[in-house]
Amino acid sequence: MKKPAKRLAKVGYKYHHIGIPTDTKKRGMIEIPRLGICASDHDSNSFGIQWMLYRKACKVPDLVRALPHVAFEVTDLNAAIRGKKILIKPNSPSPGVMVAFIEESGAPVE
């Protein structure tokens, strides 16, 4: 097995959740109208599974709507996305939280 790139260690990647797109509302999902999504709480289960229902008003790329994404906490968001294909620029979906989406090996990563 190949070792992760040195850059991964420098940025301090820590698994946070996996977001799985769905077409149906799941139990426990919360509507977030300003983002145009419904999402379950990733903290409600041991593995950080978060169901994502993207409404028509949601302006995320098709790749994010179609495929599950894995999300990481990083020590330096700008370093983590430097040189990557940006799908969603850094933004704050909730107070004190900054996120961005990149494409890595054809998959979305948050």
PDB file of N, CA and C in Angstrom:
ATOM      1  N   MET A   1       0.837  -1.179   0.000  1.00  0.00           N
ATOM      2  CA  MET A   1       0.000   0.000   0.000  1.00  0.00           C
ATOM      3  C   MET A   1       0.881   1.243   0.000  1.00  0.00           C
ATOM      4  N   LYS A   2       0.542   2.187  -0.862  1.00  0.00           N
ATOM      5  CA  LYS A   2       1.290   3.439  -0.949  1.00  0.00           C
ATOM      6  C   LYS A   2       1.068   4.289   0.288  1.00  0.00           C
ATOM      7  N   LYS A   3       2.106   4.981   0.705  1.00  0.00           N
ATOM      8  CA  LYS A   3       1.977   5.918   1.815  1.00  0.00           C
ATOM      9  C   LYS A   3       1.288   7.183   1.308  1.00  0.00           C
ATOM     10  N   PRO A   4       0.458   7.824   2.171  1.00  0.00           N
ATOM     11  CA  PRO A   4      -0.157   9.089   1.759  1.00  0.00           C
ATOM     12  C   PRO A   4       0.913  10.125   1.440  1.00  0.00           C
ATOM     13  N   ALA A   5       0.585  11.017   0.559  1.00  0.00           N
ATOM     14  CA  ALA A   5       1.510  12.093   0.212  1.00  0.00           C
ATOM     15  C   ALA A   5       1.917  12.850   1.463  1.00  0.00           C
ATOM     16  N   LYS A   6       3.150  13.322   1.500  1.00  0.00           N
ATOM     17  CA  LYS A   6       3.646  14.072   2.665  1.00  0.00           C
ATOM     18  C   LYS A   6       2.757  15.266   2.966  1.00  0.00           C
ATOM     19  N   ARG A   7       2.190  15.844   1.928  1.00  0.00           N
ATOM     20  CA  ARG A   7       1.351  17.024   2.109  1.00  0.00           C
ATOM     21  C   ARG A   7       0.150  16.718   2.999  1.00  0.00           C
ATOM     22  N   LEU A   8      -0.379  15.498   2.928  1.00  0.00           N
ATOM     23  CA  LEU A   8      -1.519  15.146   3.764  1.00  0.00           C
ATOM     24  C   LEU A   8      -1.158  15.271   5.237  1.00  0.00           C
ATOM     25  N   ALA A   9       0.009  14.789   5.595  1.00  0.00           N
ATOM     26  CA  ALA A   9       0.440  14.862   6.993  1.00  0.00           C
ATOM     27  C   ALA A   9       0.642  16.310   7.433  1.00  0.00           C
ATOM     28  N   LYS A  10       1.203  17.137   6.566  1.00  0.00           N
ATOM     29  CA  LYS A  10       1.450  18.540   6.907  1.00  0.00           C
ATOM     30  C   LYS A  10       0.155  19.291   7.196  1.00  0.00           C
ATOM     31  N   VAL A  11      -0.890  18.961   6.468  1.00  0.00           N
ATOM     32  CA  VAL A  11      -2.155  19.664   6.620  1.00  0.00           C
ATOM     33  C   VAL A  11      -2.930  19.111   7.819  1.00  0.00           C
ATOM     34  N   GLY A  12      -2.610  17.918   8.270  1.00  0.00           N
ATOM     35  CA  GLY A  12      -3.264  17.353   9.438  1.00  0.00           C
ATOM     36  C   GLY A  12      -4.680  16.885   9.178  1.00  0.00           C
ATOM     37  N   TYR A  13      -4.881  16.034   8.195  1.00  0.00           N
ATOM     38  CA  TYR A  13      -6.211  15.519   7.881  1.00  0.00           C
ATOM     39  C   TYR A  13      -6.730  14.623   8.995  1.00  0.00           C
ATOM     40  N   LYS A  14      -7.977  14.870   9.425  1.00  0.00           N
ATOM     41  CA  LYS A  14      -8.644  14.032  10.414  1.00  0.00           C
ATOM     42  C   LYS A  14     -10.048  13.747   9.882  1.00  0.00           C
ATOM     43  N   TYR A  15     -10.400  12.466   9.774  1.00  0.00           N
ATOM     44  CA  TYR A  15     -11.729  12.095   9.268  1.00  0.00           C
ATOM     45  C   TYR A  15     -12.815  12.795  10.064  1.00  0.00           C
ATOM     46  N   HIS A  16     -13.839  13.305   9.346  1.00  0.00           N
ATOM     47  CA  HIS A  16     -14.958  13.991   9.995  1.00  0.00           C
ATOM     48  C   HIS A  16     -16.287  13.294   9.717  1.00  0.00           C
ATOM     49  N   HIS A  17     -16.608  13.089   8.431  1.00  0.00           N
ATOM     50  CA  HIS A  17     -17.851  12.400   8.080  1.00  0.00           C
ATOM     51  C   HIS A  17     -17.835  11.970   6.623  1.00  0.00           C
ATOM     52  N   ILE A  18     -18.823  11.166   6.271  1.00  0.00           N
ATOM     53  CA  ILE A  18     -19.084  10.848   4.874  1.00  0.00           C
ATOM     54  C   ILE A  18     -20.487  11.344   4.581  1.00  0.00           C
ATOM     55  N   GLY A  19     -20.608  12.131   3.525  1.00  0.00           N
ATOM     56  CA  GLY A  19     -21.904  12.661   3.105  1.00  0.00           C
ATOM     57  C   GLY A  19     -22.415  11.843   1.942  1.00  0.00           C
ATOM     58  N   ILE A  20     -23.598  11.270   2.101  1.00  0.00           N
ATOM     59  CA  ILE A  20     -24.157  10.387   1.079  1.00  0.00           C
ATOM     60  C   ILE A  20     -25.415  11.021   0.500  1.00  0.00           C
ATOM     61  N   PRO A  21     -25.413  11.307  -0.802  1.00  0.00           N
ATOM     62  CA  PRO A  21     -26.599  11.891  -1.428  1.00  0.00           C
ATOM     63  C   PRO A  21     -27.775  10.910  -1.413  1.00  0.00           C
ATOM     64  N   THR A  22     -28.963  11.457  -1.242  1.00  0.00           N
ATOM     65  CA  THR A  22     -30.187  10.662  -1.286  1.00  0.00           C
ATOM     66  C   THR A  22     -31.271  11.475  -1.973  1.00  0.00           C
ATOM     67  N   ASP A  23     -32.241  10.781  -2.528  1.00  0.00           N
ATOM     68  CA  ASP A  23     -33.380  11.452  -3.170  1.00  0.00           C
ATOM     69  C   ASP A  23     -34.597  11.500  -2.249  1.00  0.00           C
ATOM     70  N   THR A  24     -34.491  10.837  -1.089  1.00  0.00           N
ATOM     71  CA  THR A  24     -35.619  10.800  -0.163  1.00  0.00           C
ATOM     72  C   THR A  24     -35.183  11.298   1.212  1.00  0.00           C
ATOM     73  N   LYS A  25     -36.093  11.957   1.891  1.00  0.00           N
ATOM     74  CA  LYS A  25     -35.799  12.469   3.230  1.00  0.00           C
ATOM     75  C   LYS A  25     -35.708  11.293   4.212  1.00  0.00           C
ATOM     76  N   LYS A  26     -34.613  11.268   4.958  1.00  0.00           N
ATOM     77  CA  LYS A  26     -34.366  10.211   5.940  1.00  0.00           C
ATOM     78  C   LYS A  26     -34.752  10.701   7.336  1.00  0.00           C
ATOM     79  N   ARG A  27     -35.010   9.752   8.220  1.00  0.00           N
ATOM     80  CA  ARG A  27     -35.345  10.078   9.610  1.00  0.00           C
ATOM     81  C   ARG A  27     -34.220  10.918  10.222  1.00  0.00           C
ATOM     82  N   GLY A  28     -34.585  11.963  10.914  1.00  0.00           N
ATOM     83  CA  GLY A  28     -33.615  12.796  11.606  1.00  0.00           C
ATOM     84  C   GLY A  28     -32.991  13.895  10.763  1.00  0.00           C
ATOM     85  N   MET A  29     -33.360  13.990   9.491  1.00  0.00           N
ATOM     86  CA  MET A  29     -32.797  15.054   8.659  1.00  0.00           C
ATOM     87  C   MET A  29     -33.333  16.410   9.089  1.00  0.00           C
ATOM     88  N   ILE A  30     -32.476  17.408   8.989  1.00  0.00           N
ATOM     89  CA  ILE A  30     -32.841  18.781   9.320  1.00  0.00           C
ATOM     90  C   ILE A  30     -32.817  19.601   8.038  1.00  0.00           C
ATOM     91  N   GLU A  31     -33.857  20.366   7.834  1.00  0.00           N
ATOM     92  CA  GLU A  31     -33.958  21.247   6.665  1.00  0.00           C
ATOM     93  C   GLU A  31     -33.090  22.476   6.917  1.00  0.00           C
ATOM     94  N   ILE A  32     -32.248  22.810   5.937  1.00  0.00           N
ATOM     95  CA  ILE A  32     -31.421  24.013   6.029  1.00  0.00           C
ATOM     96  C   ILE A  32     -31.745  24.859   4.789  1.00  0.00           C
ATOM     97  N   PRO A  33     -32.840  25.626   4.856  1.00  0.00           N
ATOM     98  CA  PRO A  33     -33.342  26.346   3.686  1.00  0.00           C
ATOM     99  C   PRO A  33     -32.337  27.276   3.024  1.00  0.00           C
ATOM    100  N   ARG A  34     -31.515  27.981   3.805  1.00  0.00           N
ATOM    101  CA  ARG A  34     -30.589  28.951   3.200  1.00  0.00           C
ATOM    102  C   ARG A  34     -29.548  28.268   2.325  1.00  0.00           C
ATOM    103  N   LEU A  35     -29.285  26.966   2.569  1.00  0.00           N
ATOM    104  CA  LEU A  35     -28.334  26.212   1.747  1.00  0.00           C
ATOM    105  C   LEU A  35     -29.037  25.353   0.702  1.00  0.00           C
ATOM    106  N   GLY A  36     -30.354  25.200   0.831  1.00  0.00           N
ATOM    107  CA  GLY A  36     -31.099  24.369  -0.103  1.00  0.00           C
ATOM    108  C   GLY A  36     -30.842  22.882   0.094  1.00  0.00           C
ATOM    109  N   ILE A  37     -30.587  22.485   1.341  1.00  0.00           N
ATOM    110  CA  ILE A  37     -30.330  21.072   1.623  1.00  0.00           C
ATOM    111  C   ILE A  37     -31.112  20.604   2.848  1.00  0.00           C
ATOM    112  N   CYS A  38     -31.201  19.299   2.949  1.00  0.00           N
ATOM    113  CA  CYS A  38     -31.672  18.604   4.139  1.00  0.00           C
ATOM    114  C   CYS A  38     -30.514  17.686   4.502  1.00  0.00           C
ATOM    115  N   ALA A  39     -30.148  17.620   5.771  1.00  0.00           N
ATOM    116  CA  ALA A  39     -29.010  16.788   6.155  1.00  0.00           C
ATOM    117  C   ALA A  39     -29.269  16.117   7.493  1.00  0.00           C
ATOM    118  N   SER A  40     -28.778  14.891   7.608  1.00  0.00           N
ATOM    119  CA  SER A  40     -28.825  14.227   8.902  1.00  0.00           C
ATOM    120  C   SER A  40     -27.580  14.620   9.690  1.00  0.00           C
ATOM    121  N   ASP A  41     -27.601  14.378  10.988  1.00  0.00           N
ATOM    122  CA  ASP A  41     -26.491  14.738  11.867  1.00  0.00           C
ATOM    123  C   ASP A  41     -25.433  13.639  11.839  1.00  0.00           C
ATOM    124  N   HIS A  42     -24.250  13.969  11.373  1.00  0.00           N
ATOM    125  CA  HIS A  42     -23.173  12.971  11.305  1.00  0.00           C
ATOM    126  C   HIS A  42     -22.742  12.499  12.692  1.00  0.00           C
ATOM    127  N   ASP A  43     -23.040  13.276  13.719  1.00  0.00           N
ATOM    128  CA  ASP A  43     -22.700  12.890  15.091  1.00  0.00           C
ATOM    129  C   ASP A  43     -23.717  11.913  15.694  1.00  0.00           C
ATOM    130  N   SER A  44     -24.772  11.590  14.952  1.00  0.00           N
ATOM    131  CA  SER A  44     -25.810  10.702  15.481  1.00  0.00           C
ATOM    132  C   SER A  44     -25.447   9.224  15.344  1.00  0.00           C
ATOM    133  N   ASN A  45     -24.288   8.934  14.753  1.00  0.00           N
ATOM    134  CA  ASN A  45     -23.874   7.546  14.586  1.00  0.00           C
ATOM    135  C   ASN A  45     -22.358   7.439  14.727  1.00  0.00           C
ATOM    136  N   SER A  46     -21.888   6.245  14.952  1.00  0.00           N
ATOM    137  CA  SER A  46     -20.471   6.015  15.256  1.00  0.00           C
ATOM    138  C   SER A  46     -19.519   6.270  14.093  1.00  0.00           C
ATOM    139  N   PHE A  47     -20.022   6.255  12.866  1.00  0.00           N
ATOM    140  CA  PHE A  47     -19.135   6.346  11.708  1.00  0.00           C
ATOM    141  C   PHE A  47     -19.214   7.668  10.964  1.00  0.00           C
ATOM    142  N   GLY A  48     -19.960   8.623  11.480  1.00  0.00           N
ATOM    143  CA  GLY A  48     -20.035   9.928  10.839  1.00  0.00           C
ATOM    144  C   GLY A  48     -20.784   9.902   9.519  1.00  0.00           C
ATOM    145  N   ILE A  49     -21.821   9.064   9.419  1.00  0.00           N
ATOM    146  CA  ILE A  49     -22.613   8.998   8.187  1.00  0.00           C
ATOM    147  C   ILE A  49     -23.618  10.144   8.202  1.00  0.00           C
ATOM    148  N   GLN A  50     -23.597  10.923   7.129  1.00  0.00           N
ATOM    149  CA  GLN A  50     -24.506  12.061   6.992  1.00  0.00           C
ATOM    150  C   GLN A  50     -25.242  11.923   5.661  1.00  0.00           C
ATOM    151  N   TRP A  51     -26.560  11.813   5.738  1.00  0.00           N
ATOM    152  CA  TRP A  51     -27.369  11.768   4.524  1.00  0.00           C
ATOM    153  C   TRP A  51     -27.615  13.190   4.044  1.00  0.00           C
ATOM    154  N   MET A  52     -27.501  13.395   2.733  1.00  0.00           N
ATOM    155  CA  MET A  52     -27.633  14.716   2.135  1.00  0.00           C
ATOM    156  C   MET A  52     -28.729  14.693   1.070  1.00  0.00           C
ATOM    157  N   LEU A  53     -29.727  15.533   1.232  1.00  0.00           N
ATOM    158  CA  LEU A  53     -30.777  15.703   0.242  1.00  0.00           C
ATOM    159  C   LEU A  53     -30.625  17.105  -0.320  1.00  0.00           C
ATOM    160  N   TYR A  54     -30.268  17.185  -1.599  1.00  0.00           N
ATOM    161  CA  TYR A  54     -30.029  18.480  -2.239  1.00  0.00           C
ATOM    162  C   TYR A  54     -31.306  18.937  -2.941  1.00  0.00           C
ATOM    163  N   ARG A  55     -31.830  20.065  -2.532  1.00  0.00           N
ATOM    164  CA  ARG A  55     -33.030  20.633  -3.154  1.00  0.00           C
ATOM    165  C   ARG A  55     -32.645  21.293  -4.484  1.00  0.00           C
ATOM    166  N   LYS A  56     -33.645  21.570  -5.308  1.00  0.00           N
ATOM    167  CA  LYS A  56     -33.386  22.211  -6.602  1.00  0.00           C
ATOM    168  C   LYS A  56     -32.676  23.546  -6.448  1.00  0.00           C
ATOM    169  N   ALA A  57     -32.991  24.274  -5.368  1.00  0.00           N
ATOM    170  CA  ALA A  57     -32.391  25.595  -5.132  1.00  0.00           C
ATOM    171  C   ALA A  57     -30.914  25.506  -4.739  1.00  0.00           C
ATOM    172  N   CYS A  58     -30.456  24.335  -4.334  1.00  0.00           N
ATOM    173  CA  CYS A  58     -29.065  24.171  -3.911  1.00  0.00           C
ATOM    174  C   CYS A  58     -28.143  24.255  -5.121  1.00  0.00           C
ATOM    175  N   LYS A  59     -27.101  25.065  -4.990  1.00  0.00           N
ATOM    176  CA  LYS A  59     -26.206  25.293  -6.118  1.00  0.00           C
ATOM    177  C   LYS A  59     -24.873  24.585  -5.921  1.00  0.00           C
ATOM    178  N   VAL A  60     -24.924  23.272  -5.738  1.00  0.00           N
ATOM    179  CA  VAL A  60     -23.681  22.510  -5.658  1.00  0.00           C
ATOM    180  C   VAL A  60     -23.459  21.815  -6.997  1.00  0.00           C
ATOM    181  N   PRO A  61     -22.210  21.539  -7.337  1.00  0.00           N
ATOM    182  CA  PRO A  61     -21.915  20.872  -8.603  1.00  0.00           C
ATOM    183  C   PRO A  61     -22.552  19.478  -8.676  1.00  0.00           C
ATOM    184  N   ASP A  62     -22.802  19.037  -9.892  1.00  0.00           N
ATOM    185  CA  ASP A  62     -23.412  17.730 -10.114  1.00  0.00           C
ATOM    186  C   ASP A  62     -22.618  16.606  -9.457  1.00  0.00           C
ATOM    187  N   LEU A  63     -21.303  16.702  -9.453  1.00  0.00           N
ATOM    188  CA  LEU A  63     -20.466  15.664  -8.851  1.00  0.00           C
ATOM    189  C   LEU A  63     -20.777  15.498  -7.362  1.00  0.00           C
ATOM    190  N   VAL A  64     -21.012  16.605  -6.665  1.00  0.00           N
ATOM    191  CA  VAL A  64     -21.339  16.565  -5.231  1.00  0.00           C
ATOM    192  C   VAL A  64     -22.736  15.986  -5.029  1.00  0.00           C
ATOM    193  N   ARG A  65     -23.656  16.313  -5.919  1.00  0.00           N
ATOM    194  CA  ARG A  65     -25.017  15.775  -5.843  1.00  0.00           C
ATOM    195  C   ARG A  65     -25.060  14.275  -6.120  1.00  0.00           C
ATOM    196  N   ALA A  66     -24.168  13.803  -6.976  1.00  0.00           N
ATOM    197  CA  ALA A  66     -24.251  12.425  -7.464  1.00  0.00           C
ATOM    198  C   ALA A  66     -23.464  11.403  -6.645  1.00  0.00           C
ATOM    199  N   LEU A  67     -22.332  11.816  -6.085  1.00  0.00           N
ATOM    200  CA  LEU A  67     -21.452  10.863  -5.403  1.00  0.00           C
ATOM    201  C   LEU A  67     -21.301  11.183  -3.924  1.00  0.00           C
ATOM    202  N   PRO A  68     -21.085  10.166  -3.101  1.00  0.00           N
ATOM    203  CA  PRO A  68     -20.754  10.434  -1.700  1.00  0.00           C
ATOM    204  C   PRO A  68     -19.453  11.235  -1.619  1.00  0.00           C
ATOM    205  N   HIS A  69     -19.342  12.026  -0.565  1.00  0.00           N
ATOM    206  CA  HIS A  69     -18.087  12.756  -0.329  1.00  0.00           C
ATOM    207  C   HIS A  69     -17.563  12.411   1.049  1.00  0.00           C
ATOM    208  N   VAL A  70     -16.267  12.352   1.165  1.00  0.00           N
ATOM    209  CA  VAL A  70     -15.646  12.169   2.465  1.00  0.00           C
ATOM    210  C   VAL A  70     -15.168  13.547   2.921  1.00  0.00           C
ATOM    211  N   ALA A  71     -15.331  13.819   4.217  1.00  0.00           N
ATOM    212  CA  ALA A  71     -14.971  15.135   4.753  1.00  0.00           C
ATOM    213  C   ALA A  71     -13.907  14.981   5.829  1.00  0.00           C
ATOM    214  N   PHE A  72     -12.979  15.926   5.828  1.00  0.00           N
ATOM    215  CA  PHE A  72     -11.885  15.921   6.788  1.00  0.00           C
ATOM    216  C   PHE A  72     -11.795  17.264   7.484  1.00  0.00           C
ATOM    217  N   GLU A  73     -11.366  17.240   8.734  1.00  0.00           N
ATOM    218  CA  GLU A  73     -10.942  18.458   9.420  1.00  0.00           C
ATOM    219  C   GLU A  73      -9.477  18.630   9.055  1.00  0.00           C
ATOM    220  N   VAL A  74      -9.075  19.857   8.787  1.00  0.00           N
ATOM    221  CA  VAL A  74      -7.679  20.139   8.449  1.00  0.00           C
ATOM    222  C   VAL A  74      -7.169  21.305   9.277  1.00  0.00           C
ATOM    223  N   THR A  75      -5.870  21.337   9.445  1.00  0.00           N
ATOM    224  CA  THR A  75      -5.269  22.426  10.210  1.00  0.00           C
ATOM    225  C   THR A  75      -5.115  23.691   9.378  1.00  0.00           C
ATOM    226  N   ASP A  76      -5.060  23.538   8.049  1.00  0.00           N
ATOM    227  CA  ASP A  76      -4.875  24.682   7.160  1.00  0.00           C
ATOM    228  C   ASP A  76      -5.665  24.440   5.879  1.00  0.00           C
ATOM    229  N   LEU A  77      -6.869  25.009   5.802  1.00  0.00           N
ATOM    230  CA  LEU A  77      -7.741  24.788   4.653  1.00  0.00           C
ATOM    231  C   LEU A  77      -7.099  25.242   3.350  1.00  0.00           C
ATOM    232  N   ASN A  78      -6.466  26.404   3.360  1.00  0.00           N
ATOM    233  CA  ASN A  78      -5.843  26.910   2.131  1.00  0.00           C
ATOM    234  C   ASN A  78      -4.751  25.962   1.633  1.00  0.00           C
ATOM    235  N   ALA A  79      -3.945  25.428   2.537  1.00  0.00           N
ATOM    236  CA  ALA A  79      -2.903  24.474   2.143  1.00  0.00           C
ATOM    237  C   ALA A  79      -3.519  23.185   1.625  1.00  0.00           C
ATOM    238  N   ALA A  80      -4.625  22.768   2.221  1.00  0.00           N
ATOM    239  CA  ALA A  80      -5.260  21.511   1.820  1.00  0.00           C
ATOM    240  C   ALA A  80      -5.824  21.569   0.406  1.00  0.00           C
ATOM    241  N   ILE A  81      -6.265  22.742  -0.030  1.00  0.00           N
ATOM    242  CA  ILE A  81      -6.873  22.840  -1.362  1.00  0.00           C
ATOM    243  C   ILE A  81      -5.930  23.425  -2.421  1.00  0.00           C
ATOM    244  N   ARG A  82      -4.764  23.888  -1.990  1.00  0.00           N
ATOM    245  CA  ARG A  82      -3.805  24.489  -2.929  1.00  0.00           C
ATOM    246  C   ARG A  82      -3.450  23.493  -4.032  1.00  0.00           C
ATOM    247  N   GLY A  83      -3.583  23.926  -5.278  1.00  0.00           N
ATOM    248  CA  GLY A  83      -3.228  23.109  -6.425  1.00  0.00           C
ATOM    249  C   GLY A  83      -4.264  22.053  -6.783  1.00  0.00           C
ATOM    250  N   LYS A  84      -5.385  22.034  -6.086  1.00  0.00           N
ATOM    251  CA  LYS A  84      -6.446  21.055  -6.329  1.00  0.00           C
ATOM    252  C   LYS A  84      -7.530  21.657  -7.219  1.00  0.00           C
ATOM    253  N   LYS A  85      -8.333  20.795  -7.818  1.00  0.00           N
ATOM    254  CA  LYS A  85      -9.483  21.254  -8.592  1.00  0.00           C
ATOM    255  C   LYS A  85     -10.593  21.599  -7.602  1.00  0.00           C
ATOM    256  N   ILE A  86     -10.911  22.880  -7.500  1.00  0.00           N
ATOM    257  CA  ILE A  86     -11.903  23.360  -6.548  1.00  0.00           C
ATOM    258  C   ILE A  86     -13.306  23.161  -7.122  1.00  0.00           C
ATOM    259  N   LEU A  87     -14.157  22.487  -6.367  1.00  0.00           N
ATOM    260  CA  LEU A  87     -15.560  22.326  -6.745  1.00  0.00           C
ATOM    261  C   LEU A  87     -16.415  23.397  -6.073  1.00  0.00           C
ATOM    262  N   ILE A  88     -16.149  23.630  -4.791  1.00  0.00           N
ATOM    263  CA  ILE A  88     -16.855  24.658  -4.023  1.00  0.00           C
ATOM    264  C   ILE A  88     -15.809  25.443  -3.244  1.00  0.00           C
ATOM    265  N   LYS A  89     -15.731  26.732  -3.510  1.00  0.00           N
ATOM    266  CA  LYS A  89     -14.749  27.591  -2.849  1.00  0.00           C
ATOM    267  C   LYS A  89     -14.981  27.618  -1.337  1.00  0.00           C
ATOM    268  N   PRO A  90     -13.946  27.971  -0.557  1.00  0.00           N
ATOM    269  CA  PRO A  90     -14.112  28.063   0.892  1.00  0.00           C
ATOM    270  C   PRO A  90     -15.291  28.963   1.253  1.00  0.00           C
ATOM    271  N   ASN A  91     -16.101  28.480   2.184  1.00  0.00           N
ATOM    272  CA  ASN A  91     -17.288  29.200   2.633  1.00  0.00           C
ATOM    273  C   ASN A  91     -17.647  28.752   4.039  1.00  0.00           C
ATOM    274  N   SER A  92     -18.531  29.492   4.669  1.00  0.00           N
ATOM    275  CA  SER A  92     -18.923  29.188   6.048  1.00  0.00           C
ATOM    276  C   SER A  92     -20.403  28.806   6.096  1.00  0.00           C
ATOM    277  N   PRO A  93     -20.702  27.495   6.145  1.00  0.00           N
ATOM    278  CA  PRO A  93     -22.100  27.065   6.196  1.00  0.00           C
ATOM    279  C   PRO A  93     -22.742  27.283   7.567  1.00  0.00           C
ATOM    280  N   SER A  94     -21.902  27.410   8.606  1.00  0.00           N
ATOM    281  CA  SER A  94     -22.400  27.675   9.957  1.00  0.00           C
ATOM    282  C   SER A  94     -21.320  28.434  10.730  1.00  0.00           C
ATOM    283  N   PRO A  95     -21.713  29.137  11.774  1.00  0.00           N
ATOM    284  CA  PRO A  95     -20.747  29.954  12.524  1.00  0.00           C
ATOM    285  C   PRO A  95     -19.528  29.145  12.992  1.00  0.00           C
ATOM    286  N   GLY A  96     -18.355  29.685  12.710  1.00  0.00           N
ATOM    287  CA  GLY A  96     -17.112  29.060  13.153  1.00  0.00           C
ATOM    288  C   GLY A  96     -16.626  27.893  12.312  1.00  0.00           C
ATOM    289  N   VAL A  97     -17.318  27.621  11.208  1.00  0.00           N
ATOM    290  CA  VAL A  97     -16.944  26.490  10.348  1.00  0.00           C
ATOM    291  C   VAL A  97     -16.633  27.002   8.944  1.00  0.00           C
ATOM    292  N   MET A  98     -15.486  26.598   8.409  1.00  0.00           N
ATOM    293  CA  MET A  98     -15.126  26.898   7.015  1.00  0.00           C
ATOM    294  C   MET A  98     -14.990  25.577   6.288  1.00  0.00           C
ATOM    295  N   VAL A  99     -15.589  25.503   5.104  1.00  0.00           N
ATOM    296  CA  VAL A  99     -15.501  24.292   4.295  1.00  0.00           C
ATOM    297  C   VAL A  99     -15.165  24.650   2.853  1.00  0.00           C
ATOM    298  N   ALA A 100     -14.688  23.651   2.133  1.00  0.00           N
ATOM    299  CA  ALA A 100     -14.470  23.754   0.700  1.00  0.00           C
ATOM    300  C   ALA A 100     -14.575  22.342   0.154  1.00  0.00           C
ATOM    301  N   PHE A 101     -14.877  22.221  -1.123  1.00  0.00           N
ATOM    302  CA  PHE A 101     -14.909  20.922  -1.777  1.00  0.00           C
ATOM    303  C   PHE A 101     -13.900  20.924  -2.912  1.00  0.00           C
ATOM    304  N   ILE A 102     -13.164  19.833  -3.026  1.00  0.00           N
ATOM    305  CA  ILE A 102     -12.253  19.633  -4.145  1.00  0.00           C
ATOM    306  C   ILE A 102     -12.634  18.333  -4.833  1.00  0.00           C
ATOM    307  N   GLU A 103     -12.082  18.142  -6.024  1.00  0.00           N
ATOM    308  CA  GLU A 103     -12.229  16.867  -6.715  1.00  0.00           C
ATOM    309  C   GLU A 103     -10.901  16.141  -6.623  1.00  0.00           C
ATOM    310  N   GLU A 104     -10.928  14.920  -6.137  1.00  0.00           N
ATOM    311  CA  GLU A 104      -9.732  14.098  -6.011  1.00  0.00           C
ATOM    312  C   GLU A 104     -10.020  12.726  -6.609  1.00  0.00           C
ATOM    313  N   SER A 105      -9.270  12.339  -7.613  1.00  0.00           N
ATOM    314  CA  SER A 105      -9.460  11.045  -8.284  1.00  0.00           C
ATOM    315  C   SER A 105     -10.890  10.842  -8.745  1.00  0.00           C
ATOM    316  N   GLY A 106     -11.538  11.926  -9.199  1.00  0.00           N
ATOM    317  CA  GLY A 106     -12.893  11.847  -9.724  1.00  0.00           C
ATOM    318  C   GLY A 106     -13.998  11.867  -8.676  1.00  0.00           C
ATOM    319  N   ALA A 107     -13.614  12.051  -7.403  1.00  0.00           N
ATOM    320  CA  ALA A 107     -14.602  12.062  -6.327  1.00  0.00           C
ATOM    321  C   ALA A 107     -14.563  13.390  -5.569  1.00  0.00           C
ATOM    322  N   PRO A 108     -15.718  13.807  -5.016  1.00  0.00           N
ATOM    323  CA  PRO A 108     -15.729  15.025  -4.216  1.00  0.00           C
ATOM    324  C   PRO A 108     -15.164  14.766  -2.823  1.00  0.00           C
ATOM    325  N   VAL A 109     -14.380  15.717  -2.321  1.00  0.00           N
ATOM    326  CA  VAL A 109     -13.815  15.655  -0.974  1.00  0.00           C
ATOM    327  C   VAL A 109     -14.065  17.000  -0.320  1.00  0.00           C
ATOM    328  N   GLU A 110     -14.538  16.975   0.916  1.00  0.00           N
ATOM    329  CA  GLU A 110     -14.809  18.200   1.665  1.00  0.00           C
ATOM    330  C   GLU A 110     -13.705  18.412   2.687  1.00  0.00           C
TER     331      GLU A 110
END
